[in-house]
Amino acid sequence: MIQSVVYRDSKFVADCPPPESLATLRLDPAAMLWVDLTAPSEEEIRLVMQELFAVHPLTIEDCLHDSPLPKYEEYENYVYIVAHAVDYTRTEKFTTTELDLILGRTFLLTFHRQPLKAVQTARERLLRSPGTVVRGPDRFAHTLLDLIVENFKPALAELRTEIEEIEDAVLARSKEPLAQRIVAVREDITTLRQIIRPQRELTVALASGRTTFFRPKLLPYLRDLSDDLVRIEEQVKSWSEQLIFIFKLFLNRSTHETNEGVRVLTGLTAITIPLMIIGSWFSMNFRHSPLLASRPAYWVALSIMAISTVVLFFYLRRRKWL
């Protein structure tokens, strides 16, 4: 699907003009285009990327194959940027969608296989305020990158809620299998850090001014994006340390519960000591033992076993060993 926004002399002109008119607009030096390709067909790729914008075949190939890491490559007429939008749900965990940006002097071409919230939000903002003056396609590119970073916040909020629920469950001594849940969240945090760090390096490279396709006045805004990603990375790092503390607390709780069980079993064993000693003595059945034929000895032994057991039971209860 092809969607486009046209500006002329920095002012809004049209939304989604016919694809056949893009060639004429492309030759207009006063026109500025943002063309978005969402899951395009081969015909749309040929029309827009090859015929209209004369994109290098290597760039087209990179667009058609997902890149695991963000990057940017500068060509003669444009700079090619790969960014990743992130989403998070408790069932599907972290998912990323690649956004390819081809930024020229008078145009921005975006390519993605799935609908992106950042792209849709940017279009809605432009169409809501058609009177806004936009002086360069680099402003479009910055807006998209800014929205991608902004959309990290819902994912971070979900992850923070997950960690807080695990912490509450550990403190409340919940019986649910928390070890597997802690390990799963730990893996999510590792995944998020692997997503954020390359994105931060990308914004640092763009903010350095090494590419001339971003005007100098936009460099402070790109540095601000880099600072936001640094703050997110530090926050995720602190969550990783918090999760380690929670896991240690969970292990200590499990060890304490195990010790409690061992202590109870030890106390029960101690209660039976008088029974075992006296019972073992009378069960030896020596033929010449004078106590075996004595009825009073039987009741005396039984009384001693009962009294010693009761006394030992209350003693252990008083010491809180039972």
Protein backbone atom coordinates (compact mmCIF):
# COMPACT_ATOMS: atom_id res chain seq x y z
CA MET A 1 0.00 0.00 0.00
CA ILE A 2 1.27 3.45 -0.94
CA GLN A 3 0.49 6.50 1.18
CA SER A 4 2.02 9.91 0.59
CA VAL A 5 2.00 13.44 1.92
CA VAL A 6 2.98 16.35 -0.31
CA TYR A 7 4.32 19.75 0.76
CA ARG A 8 5.19 22.62 -1.56
CA ASP A 9 7.14 25.63 -0.34
CA SER A 10 7.08 24.05 3.15
CA LYS A 11 3.26 24.06 3.25
CA PHE A 12 0.85 21.15 3.08
CA VAL A 13 -0.59 20.50 -0.40
CA ALA A 14 -2.10 17.01 -0.67
CA ASP A 15 -2.63 13.73 1.09
CA CYS A 16 -2.30 10.48 -0.91
CA PRO A 17 -2.22 11.88 -4.46
CA PRO A 18 -2.52 9.29 -7.26
CA PRO A 19 0.66 7.22 -7.61
CA GLU A 20 1.06 8.25 -11.23
CA SER A 21 1.33 11.91 -10.15
CA LEU A 22 4.29 11.21 -7.85
CA ALA A 23 6.70 11.24 -10.79
CA THR A 24 5.70 14.81 -11.67
CA LEU A 25 5.89 15.91 -8.04
CA ARG A 26 9.28 14.29 -7.70
CA LEU A 27 10.65 16.57 -10.41
CA ASP A 28 9.20 19.71 -8.80
CA PRO A 29 12.10 21.41 -6.89
CA ALA A 30 9.63 23.18 -4.59
CA ALA A 31 7.82 19.95 -3.65
CA MET A 32 8.63 17.83 -0.62
CA LEU A 33 7.37 14.23 -0.42
CA TRP A 34 6.86 11.67 2.26
CA VAL A 35 5.96 8.33 0.66
CA ASP A 36 5.15 5.42 2.94
CA LEU A 37 5.13 1.81 1.72
CA THR A 38 3.27 -0.66 3.95
CA ALA A 39 3.71 -4.31 2.92
CA PRO A 40 4.14 -3.20 -0.72
CA SER A 41 3.71 -5.45 -3.71
CA GLU A 42 6.50 -6.05 -6.20
CA GLU A 43 4.83 -3.62 -8.60
CA GLU A 44 4.70 -0.89 -5.95
CA ILE A 45 8.35 -1.48 -5.04
CA ARG A 46 9.35 -1.20 -8.69
CA LEU A 47 7.25 1.93 -9.26
CA VAL A 48 8.29 3.86 -6.16
CA MET A 49 11.75 2.64 -5.21
CA GLN A 50 13.24 1.92 -8.62
CA GLU A 51 11.54 4.28 -11.06
CA LEU A 52 10.52 7.22 -8.87
CA PHE A 53 13.36 7.53 -6.35
CA ALA A 54 16.10 5.51 -8.12
CA VAL A 55 17.02 3.71 -4.91
CA HIS A 56 20.21 1.68 -5.05
CA PRO A 57 19.59 -2.09 -5.53
CA LEU A 58 21.50 -2.86 -2.32
CA THR A 59 19.17 -0.61 -0.36
CA ILE A 60 16.12 -2.30 -1.87
CA GLU A 61 17.60 -5.67 -0.95
CA ASP A 62 18.17 -4.49 2.64
CA CYS A 63 14.57 -3.29 2.84
CA LEU A 64 13.29 -6.65 1.69
CA HIS A 65 15.36 -8.56 4.29
CA ASP A 66 15.04 -7.72 7.98
CA SER A 67 18.16 -6.38 9.63
CA PRO A 68 18.77 -7.58 13.22
CA LEU A 69 20.42 -4.28 14.16
CA PRO A 70 19.71 -0.60 13.45
CA LYS A 71 22.10 1.07 11.02
CA TYR A 72 22.56 3.93 8.61
CA GLU A 73 24.37 4.07 5.29
CA GLU A 74 24.93 7.22 3.29
CA TYR A 75 24.65 7.22 -0.49
CA GLU A 76 25.09 10.04 -2.98
CA ASN A 77 21.45 11.15 -3.04
CA TYR A 78 20.10 9.84 0.26
CA VAL A 79 20.89 8.26 3.62
CA TYR A 80 19.45 4.86 4.45
CA ILE A 81 18.38 4.33 8.09
CA VAL A 82 17.10 1.16 9.77
CA ALA A 83 15.24 1.55 13.08
CA HIS A 84 13.14 -0.87 15.12
CA ALA A 85 9.81 -0.16 16.76
CA VAL A 86 9.11 -2.25 19.86
CA ASP A 87 5.95 -3.69 21.38
CA TYR A 88 5.40 -5.78 24.51
CA THR A 89 2.60 -7.98 25.76
CA ARG A 90 2.67 -10.49 28.60
CA THR A 91 1.72 -13.29 26.24
CA GLU A 92 3.84 -12.51 23.16
CA LYS A 93 6.58 -10.70 25.12
CA PHE A 94 8.82 -8.36 23.10
CA THR A 95 8.31 -8.02 19.38
CA THR A 96 10.04 -5.61 17.03
CA THR A 97 9.04 -4.25 13.65
CA GLU A 98 11.66 -2.87 11.28
CA LEU A 99 11.20 0.60 9.82
CA ASP A 100 13.40 1.52 6.85
CA LEU A 101 13.86 5.23 6.14
CA ILE A 102 15.38 6.57 2.93
CA LEU A 103 16.01 10.27 3.51
CA GLY A 104 16.88 12.57 0.61
CA ARG A 105 17.09 16.34 0.24
CA THR A 106 13.46 16.71 -0.83
CA PHE A 107 11.87 13.39 0.07
CA LEU A 108 11.46 10.73 2.73
CA LEU A 109 10.61 7.17 1.76
CA THR A 110 9.56 4.76 4.52
CA PHE A 111 9.20 1.00 4.17
CA HIS A 112 7.72 -1.51 6.63
CA ARG A 113 5.92 -4.83 6.35
CA GLN A 114 3.42 -4.31 9.17
CA PRO A 115 1.36 -1.28 10.22
CA LEU A 116 3.33 0.88 12.63
CA LYS A 117 1.85 3.08 15.33
CA ALA A 118 4.64 5.64 14.90
CA VAL A 119 3.93 6.07 11.18
CA GLN A 120 0.17 6.31 11.70
CA THR A 121 0.57 8.85 14.53
CA ALA A 122 2.94 10.99 12.44
CA ARG A 123 0.49 11.05 9.52
CA GLU A 124 -2.40 11.96 11.80
CA ARG A 125 -0.43 14.85 13.29
CA LEU A 126 0.40 16.23 9.86
CA LEU A 127 -3.17 15.94 8.61
CA ARG A 128 -4.58 17.43 11.81
CA SER A 129 -2.46 20.54 11.39
CA PRO A 130 -2.22 21.17 7.63
CA GLY A 131 -1.14 24.75 8.29
CA THR A 132 2.06 23.68 10.03
CA VAL A 133 5.20 24.73 8.17
CA VAL A 134 7.57 21.81 7.56
CA ARG A 135 10.89 22.89 6.09
CA GLY A 136 12.50 19.56 5.34
CA PRO A 137 11.98 15.82 5.09
CA ASP A 138 14.53 15.42 7.89
CA ARG A 139 11.80 16.78 10.17
CA PHE A 140 9.58 13.87 9.09
CA ALA A 141 12.40 11.43 9.82
CA HIS A 142 13.05 12.91 13.26
CA THR A 143 9.34 12.78 14.11
CA LEU A 144 9.22 9.07 13.24
CA LEU A 145 12.33 8.29 15.29
CA ASP A 146 10.95 10.31 18.19
CA LEU A 147 7.65 8.41 18.10
CA ILE A 148 9.48 5.08 18.01
CA VAL A 149 11.30 6.07 21.22
CA GLU A 150 8.05 7.39 22.70
CA ASN A 151 6.37 4.06 22.05
CA PHE A 152 8.91 2.36 24.30
CA LYS A 153 6.99 3.77 27.28
CA PRO A 154 3.95 1.42 27.16
CA ALA A 155 6.30 -1.56 26.90
CA LEU A 156 8.31 -0.26 29.85
CA ALA A 157 5.14 0.28 31.89
CA GLU A 158 4.02 -3.31 31.24
CA LEU A 159 7.42 -4.67 32.21
CA ARG A 160 7.54 -2.57 35.39
CA THR A 161 4.08 -3.84 36.39
CA GLU A 162 5.25 -7.43 35.83
CA ILE A 163 8.28 -6.92 38.09
CA GLU A 164 6.19 -5.28 40.82
CA GLU A 165 3.70 -8.17 40.76
CA ILE A 166 6.53 -10.68 41.13
CA GLU A 167 7.98 -8.71 44.04
CA ASP A 168 4.60 -8.57 45.79
CA ALA A 169 4.11 -12.31 45.25
CA VAL A 170 7.51 -13.08 46.77
CA LEU A 171 6.84 -10.90 49.81
CA ALA A 172 3.36 -12.40 50.22
CA ARG A 173 4.81 -15.93 50.05
CA SER A 174 2.64 -16.86 47.11
CA LYS A 175 2.51 -20.53 46.20
CA GLU A 176 2.66 -19.93 42.43
CA PRO A 177 5.82 -21.08 40.56
CA LEU A 178 7.71 -17.80 40.76
CA ALA A 179 11.11 -19.15 39.70
CA GLN A 180 9.99 -19.70 36.09
CA ARG A 181 8.30 -16.30 36.04
CA ILE A 182 11.41 -14.52 37.34
CA VAL A 183 13.61 -16.23 34.74
CA ALA A 184 11.16 -15.27 31.96
CA VAL A 185 11.15 -11.59 32.97
CA ARG A 186 14.94 -11.68 33.23
CA GLU A 187 15.08 -12.85 29.62
CA ASP A 188 12.69 -10.05 28.62
CA ILE A 189 14.95 -7.46 30.25
CA THR A 190 17.96 -8.87 28.42
CA THR A 191 16.04 -8.72 25.13
CA LEU A 192 15.01 -5.12 25.77
CA ARG A 193 18.57 -4.07 26.50
CA GLN A 194 19.71 -5.73 23.27
CA ILE A 195 17.08 -3.66 21.42
CA ILE A 196 17.80 -0.33 23.12
CA ARG A 197 21.60 -0.26 22.98
CA PRO A 198 21.91 -0.38 19.15
CA GLN A 199 19.08 2.18 18.83
CA ARG A 200 21.02 4.52 21.11
CA GLU A 201 24.18 4.04 19.05
CA LEU A 202 22.17 4.89 15.92
CA THR A 203 20.87 8.17 17.37
CA VAL A 204 24.35 9.08 18.61
CA ALA A 205 25.72 8.55 15.09
CA LEU A 206 22.95 10.66 13.52
CA ALA A 207 23.35 13.42 16.15
CA SER A 208 27.10 13.62 15.55
CA GLY A 209 26.52 15.49 12.28
CA ARG A 210 28.42 12.96 10.20
CA THR A 211 25.53 12.81 7.74
CA THR A 212 24.55 16.03 6.00
CA PHE A 213 20.98 14.90 5.32
CA PHE A 214 19.96 16.17 8.77
CA ARG A 215 20.19 19.93 9.07
CA PRO A 216 22.37 21.29 11.93
CA LYS A 217 19.30 22.76 13.66
CA LEU A 218 17.91 19.23 14.11
CA LEU A 219 21.04 17.81 15.76
CA PRO A 220 20.04 18.93 19.30
CA TYR A 221 16.72 17.10 18.85
CA LEU A 222 18.57 13.96 17.80
CA ARG A 223 20.83 14.30 20.85
CA ASP A 224 17.70 14.53 22.97
CA LEU A 225 16.54 11.22 21.49
CA SER A 226 19.89 9.71 22.41
CA ASP A 227 19.53 11.02 25.98
CA ASP A 228 16.05 9.48 26.22
CA LEU A 229 17.40 6.10 25.16
CA VAL A 230 20.24 6.41 27.69
CA ARG A 231 17.67 7.05 30.45
CA ILE A 232 15.61 4.07 29.31
CA GLU A 233 18.70 1.86 29.25
CA GLU A 234 19.67 2.95 32.78
CA GLN A 235 16.14 2.29 33.99
CA VAL A 236 16.14 -1.19 32.48
CA LYS A 237 19.55 -1.82 34.07
CA SER A 238 18.16 -0.88 37.49
CA TRP A 239 15.23 -3.27 36.93
CA SER A 240 17.71 -6.02 36.13
CA GLU A 241 19.46 -5.43 39.46
CA GLN A 242 16.10 -5.28 41.24
CA LEU A 243 15.10 -8.60 39.71
CA ILE A 244 18.34 -10.18 40.92
CA PHE A 245 17.53 -8.95 44.45
CA ILE A 246 13.99 -10.35 44.14
CA PHE A 247 15.38 -13.70 43.03
CA LYS A 248 17.77 -13.80 45.99
CA LEU A 249 14.86 -12.96 48.28
CA PHE A 250 12.85 -15.78 46.71
CA LEU A 251 15.71 -18.24 47.25
CA ASN A 252 16.10 -17.12 50.87
CA ARG A 253 12.38 -17.57 51.41
CA SER A 254 12.48 -21.03 49.89
CA THR A 255 15.48 -21.95 52.05
CA HIS A 256 13.72 -20.62 55.15
CA GLU A 257 10.62 -22.67 54.38
CA THR A 258 12.77 -25.77 53.90
CA ASN A 259 14.51 -25.13 57.21
CA GLU A 260 11.14 -24.73 58.88
CA GLY A 261 10.11 -28.16 57.64
CA VAL A 262 13.37 -29.74 58.75
CA ARG A 263 13.01 -28.13 62.18
CA VAL A 264 9.48 -29.52 62.62
CA LEU A 265 10.60 -32.99 61.56
CA THR A 266 13.54 -32.79 63.98
CA GLY A 267 11.19 -31.77 66.80
CA LEU A 268 8.84 -34.65 66.07
CA THR A 269 11.80 -37.03 66.09
CA ALA A 270 12.93 -35.64 69.47
CA ILE A 271 9.46 -36.24 70.95
CA THR A 272 9.69 -39.93 70.12
CA ILE A 273 13.08 -40.44 71.83
CA PRO A 274 11.60 -41.55 75.23
CA LEU A 275 9.25 -43.92 73.45
CA MET A 276 12.09 -45.46 71.47
CA ILE A 277 14.43 -45.84 74.45
CA ILE A 278 11.94 -47.39 76.84
CA GLY A 279 10.16 -49.38 74.14
CA SER A 280 13.47 -50.73 72.85
CA TRP A 281 14.48 -51.84 76.34
CA PHE A 282 11.26 -53.73 77.01
CA SER A 283 11.19 -55.20 73.53
CA MET A 284 14.48 -57.06 73.98
CA ASN A 285 12.52 -59.99 75.51
CA PHE A 286 15.32 -61.40 77.67
CA ARG A 287 14.03 -64.64 79.22
CA HIS A 288 15.45 -63.86 82.69
CA SER A 289 14.41 -60.18 82.81
CA PRO A 290 12.44 -59.70 86.06
CA LEU A 291 10.45 -56.80 84.59
CA LEU A 292 8.77 -58.86 81.89
CA ALA A 293 6.58 -60.67 84.40
CA SER A 294 5.78 -57.60 86.46
CA ARG A 295 2.41 -55.94 85.78
CA PRO A 296 3.25 -52.78 87.81
CA ALA A 297 6.49 -52.36 85.81
CA TYR A 298 4.44 -52.26 82.60
CA TRP A 299 2.23 -49.42 83.87
CA VAL A 300 5.22 -47.53 85.29
CA ALA A 301 7.02 -47.73 81.96
CA LEU A 302 3.90 -46.65 80.08
CA SER A 303 3.42 -43.67 82.44
CA ILE A 304 7.03 -42.59 82.06
CA MET A 305 6.73 -42.69 78.25
CA ALA A 306 3.50 -40.65 78.26
CA ILE A 307 4.71 -38.05 80.76
CA SER A 308 8.12 -37.59 79.12
CA THR A 309 6.50 -37.25 75.70
CA VAL A 310 4.06 -34.58 76.91
CA VAL A 311 6.77 -32.69 78.82
CA LEU A 312 9.11 -32.75 75.82
CA PHE A 313 6.31 -31.61 73.51
CA PHE A 314 5.52 -28.52 75.61
CA TYR A 315 9.21 -27.78 76.05
CA LEU A 316 9.72 -27.74 72.28
CA ARG A 317 6.62 -25.59 71.81
CA ARG A 318 7.91 -23.12 74.38
CA ARG A 319 11.23 -22.89 72.53
CA LYS A 320 9.24 -22.43 69.28
CA TRP A 321 10.83 -25.46 67.72
CA LEU A 322 7.40 -26.84 66.88
